[in-house]
Amino acid sequence: MTTENNQLADKVVTAFKNVLSDEARDAISDKEFHELNLIVREALSQHLSMAAELVEDTAKRLKSMTDHQDIGL
């Protein structure tokens, strides 16, 4: 995963921490926040994989359109 995505996952977890009350934040361990970070990273990775597949499929479709014989149009 890219550095940008790791940084984004860190920002998401930090933003989540900021919306929690002090009491709630204290009740969640660093290990649990780390697990949340890993979950966010995995979600980003899956999303990027899906986007890459869409781009690949689109490229294949475009390429198949260029493989047609030129009939002078």
N, C-alpha and C. Protein backbone atom coordinates (compact mmCIF):
# COMPACT_ATOMS: atom_id res chain seq x y z
N MET A 1 0.86 -1.18 0.00
CA MET A 1 0.00 0.00 0.00
C MET A 1 0.89 1.23 0.00
N THR A 2 0.40 2.28 -0.60
CA THR A 2 1.19 3.48 -0.73
C THR A 2 1.29 4.24 0.59
N THR A 3 2.31 5.06 0.65
CA THR A 3 2.50 5.91 1.83
C THR A 3 1.30 6.82 2.03
N GLU A 4 0.75 7.32 0.91
CA GLU A 4 -0.41 8.22 1.00
C GLU A 4 -1.59 7.51 1.67
N ASN A 5 -1.79 6.25 1.32
CA ASN A 5 -2.90 5.51 1.92
C ASN A 5 -2.65 5.22 3.39
N ASN A 6 -1.41 4.95 3.74
CA ASN A 6 -1.08 4.75 5.16
C ASN A 6 -1.33 6.04 5.94
N GLN A 7 -0.95 7.15 5.34
CA GLN A 7 -1.17 8.44 5.99
C GLN A 7 -2.67 8.74 6.12
N LEU A 8 -3.43 8.37 5.10
CA LEU A 8 -4.87 8.57 5.15
C LEU A 8 -5.50 7.73 6.26
N ALA A 9 -5.06 6.49 6.38
CA ALA A 9 -5.57 5.63 7.46
C ALA A 9 -5.23 6.23 8.82
N ASP A 10 -4.03 6.76 8.96
CA ASP A 10 -3.64 7.40 10.21
C ASP A 10 -4.54 8.61 10.50
N LYS A 11 -4.85 9.38 9.46
CA LYS A 11 -5.71 10.55 9.63
C LYS A 11 -7.13 10.14 10.04
N VAL A 12 -7.62 9.05 9.47
CA VAL A 12 -8.96 8.57 9.81
C VAL A 12 -9.01 8.18 11.28
N VAL A 13 -8.02 7.44 11.73
CA VAL A 13 -7.99 7.01 13.13
C VAL A 13 -7.85 8.22 14.06
N THR A 14 -7.02 9.16 13.68
CA THR A 14 -6.87 10.37 14.48
C THR A 14 -8.17 11.16 14.55
N ALA A 15 -8.85 11.28 13.41
CA ALA A 15 -10.14 11.97 13.39
C ALA A 15 -11.15 11.25 14.28
N PHE A 16 -11.13 9.93 14.25
CA PHE A 16 -12.03 9.15 15.09
C PHE A 16 -11.72 9.41 16.57
N LYS A 17 -10.45 9.41 16.90
CA LYS A 17 -10.06 9.69 18.29
C LYS A 17 -10.56 11.06 18.73
N ASN A 18 -10.50 12.03 17.83
CA ASN A 18 -10.89 13.40 18.16
C ASN A 18 -12.38 13.56 18.41
N VAL A 19 -13.20 12.68 17.84
CA VAL A 19 -14.64 12.80 18.07
C VAL A 19 -15.09 12.04 19.32
N LEU A 20 -14.20 11.22 19.86
CA LEU A 20 -14.54 10.48 21.07
C LEU A 20 -14.41 11.36 22.30
N SER A 21 -15.23 11.06 23.28
CA SER A 21 -15.07 11.74 24.56
C SER A 21 -13.77 11.23 25.20
N ASP A 22 -13.26 11.99 26.16
CA ASP A 22 -12.05 11.56 26.86
C ASP A 22 -12.25 10.19 27.50
N GLU A 23 -13.42 9.99 28.05
CA GLU A 23 -13.73 8.72 28.71
C GLU A 23 -13.71 7.57 27.71
N ALA A 24 -14.32 7.78 26.56
CA ALA A 24 -14.36 6.73 25.53
C ALA A 24 -12.96 6.47 24.99
N ARG A 25 -12.20 7.54 24.74
CA ARG A 25 -10.85 7.39 24.21
C ARG A 25 -9.97 6.62 25.19
N ASP A 26 -10.13 6.89 26.47
CA ASP A 26 -9.34 6.19 27.49
C ASP A 26 -9.72 4.71 27.59
N ALA A 27 -10.96 4.38 27.20
CA ALA A 27 -11.42 3.00 27.29
C ALA A 27 -10.92 2.13 26.14
N ILE A 28 -10.39 2.78 25.09
CA ILE A 28 -9.90 2.05 23.92
C ILE A 28 -8.37 2.01 23.98
N SER A 29 -7.83 0.81 23.88
CA SER A 29 -6.38 0.64 23.99
C SER A 29 -5.67 1.03 22.70
N ASP A 30 -4.37 1.26 22.80
CA ASP A 30 -3.56 1.55 21.62
C ASP A 30 -3.62 0.39 20.63
N LYS A 31 -3.67 -0.82 21.16
CA LYS A 31 -3.77 -2.01 20.30
C LYS A 31 -5.07 -1.97 19.49
N GLU A 32 -6.15 -1.57 20.12
CA GLU A 32 -7.44 -1.49 19.42
C GLU A 32 -7.43 -0.37 18.37
N PHE A 33 -6.79 0.76 18.68
CA PHE A 33 -6.67 1.82 17.68
C PHE A 33 -5.80 1.34 16.51
N HIS A 34 -4.77 0.57 16.81
CA HIS A 34 -3.92 -0.01 15.76
C HIS A 34 -4.74 -0.96 14.89
N GLU A 35 -5.59 -1.76 15.50
CA GLU A 35 -6.45 -2.68 14.74
C GLU A 35 -7.40 -1.89 13.84
N LEU A 36 -7.94 -0.79 14.34
CA LEU A 36 -8.79 0.07 13.53
C LEU A 36 -8.01 0.61 12.33
N ASN A 37 -6.78 1.01 12.57
CA ASN A 37 -5.93 1.50 11.50
C ASN A 37 -5.75 0.43 10.43
N LEU A 38 -5.52 -0.80 10.84
CA LEU A 38 -5.36 -1.91 9.89
C LEU A 38 -6.65 -2.15 9.10
N ILE A 39 -7.79 -2.04 9.77
CA ILE A 39 -9.08 -2.21 9.09
C ILE A 39 -9.26 -1.14 8.03
N VAL A 40 -8.93 0.10 8.37
CA VAL A 40 -9.06 1.20 7.41
C VAL A 40 -8.12 0.98 6.23
N ARG A 41 -6.89 0.55 6.51
CA ARG A 41 -5.93 0.28 5.43
C ARG A 41 -6.45 -0.80 4.50
N GLU A 42 -7.02 -1.86 5.07
CA GLU A 42 -7.57 -2.94 4.26
C GLU A 42 -8.73 -2.44 3.40
N ALA A 43 -9.58 -1.62 3.97
CA ALA A 43 -10.71 -1.06 3.21
C ALA A 43 -10.19 -0.21 2.04
N LEU A 44 -9.18 0.61 2.30
CA LEU A 44 -8.60 1.41 1.23
C LEU A 44 -7.99 0.53 0.15
N SER A 45 -7.31 -0.51 0.56
CA SER A 45 -6.69 -1.43 -0.39
C SER A 45 -7.75 -2.10 -1.27
N GLN A 46 -8.83 -2.55 -0.66
CA GLN A 46 -9.90 -3.18 -1.43
C GLN A 46 -10.53 -2.19 -2.40
N HIS A 47 -10.75 -0.97 -1.93
CA HIS A 47 -11.34 0.05 -2.79
C HIS A 47 -10.44 0.35 -3.98
N LEU A 48 -9.15 0.46 -3.75
CA LEU A 48 -8.21 0.73 -4.83
C LEU A 48 -8.15 -0.44 -5.81
N SER A 49 -8.24 -1.65 -5.29
CA SER A 49 -8.24 -2.83 -6.17
C SER A 49 -9.46 -2.82 -7.08
N MET A 50 -10.61 -2.47 -6.52
CA MET A 50 -11.83 -2.39 -7.31
C MET A 50 -11.71 -1.30 -8.38
N ALA A 51 -11.16 -0.17 -8.01
CA ALA A 51 -10.97 0.92 -8.96
C ALA A 51 -10.00 0.51 -10.07
N ALA A 52 -8.95 -0.19 -9.72
CA ALA A 52 -7.98 -0.65 -10.71
C ALA A 52 -8.63 -1.63 -11.68
N GLU A 53 -9.48 -2.51 -11.18
CA GLU A 53 -10.19 -3.45 -12.04
C GLU A 53 -11.11 -2.71 -13.01
N LEU A 54 -11.80 -1.68 -12.51
CA LEU A 54 -12.67 -0.90 -13.39
C LEU A 54 -11.88 -0.21 -14.49
N VAL A 55 -10.74 0.33 -14.15
CA VAL A 55 -9.89 1.00 -15.13
C VAL A 55 -9.39 -0.03 -16.14
N GLU A 56 -8.98 -1.18 -15.66
CA GLU A 56 -8.48 -2.24 -16.54
C GLU A 56 -9.58 -2.70 -17.50
N ASP A 57 -10.79 -2.92 -16.98
CA ASP A 57 -11.91 -3.33 -17.83
C ASP A 57 -12.22 -2.27 -18.88
N THR A 58 -12.20 -1.01 -18.47
CA THR A 58 -12.46 0.07 -19.41
C THR A 58 -11.39 0.13 -20.49
N ALA A 59 -10.14 -0.05 -20.11
CA ALA A 59 -9.05 -0.05 -21.09
C ALA A 59 -9.22 -1.20 -22.08
N LYS A 60 -9.62 -2.37 -21.59
CA LYS A 60 -9.84 -3.51 -22.48
C LYS A 60 -10.97 -3.23 -23.46
N ARG A 61 -12.04 -2.61 -22.97
CA ARG A 61 -13.17 -2.29 -23.85
C ARG A 61 -12.75 -1.28 -24.92
N LEU A 62 -12.00 -0.27 -24.50
CA LEU A 62 -11.54 0.73 -25.46
C LEU A 62 -10.62 0.10 -26.50
N LYS A 63 -9.75 -0.78 -26.05
CA LYS A 63 -8.82 -1.44 -26.96
C LYS A 63 -9.60 -2.31 -27.94
N SER A 64 -10.61 -3.01 -27.46
CA SER A 64 -11.39 -3.88 -28.35
C SER A 64 -12.12 -3.05 -29.41
N MET A 65 -12.45 -1.82 -29.10
CA MET A 65 -13.10 -0.95 -30.06
C MET A 65 -12.14 -0.54 -31.18
N THR A 66 -10.85 -0.51 -30.87
CA THR A 66 -9.87 -0.11 -31.88
C THR A 66 -9.43 -1.27 -32.74
N ASP A 67 -9.77 -2.50 -32.36
CA ASP A 67 -9.37 -3.68 -33.12
C ASP A 67 -10.27 -3.94 -34.32
N HIS A 68 -11.34 -3.17 -34.48
CA HIS A 68 -12.26 -3.36 -35.59
C HIS A 68 -11.61 -2.88 -36.89
N GLN A 69 -11.97 -3.55 -37.95
CA GLN A 69 -11.42 -3.17 -39.25
C GLN A 69 -11.92 -1.79 -39.66
N ASP A 70 -11.04 -1.05 -40.27
CA ASP A 70 -11.40 0.28 -40.78
C ASP A 70 -12.20 0.12 -42.06
N ILE A 71 -13.43 0.59 -42.03
CA ILE A 71 -14.28 0.49 -43.22
C ILE A 71 -14.49 1.85 -43.87
N GLY A 72 -13.65 2.76 -43.53
CA GLY A 72 -13.67 4.07 -44.17
C GLY A 72 -14.63 5.07 -43.56
N LEU A 73 -15.02 4.87 -42.35
CA LEU A 73 -15.93 5.83 -41.73
C LEU A 73 -15.19 6.96 -41.15
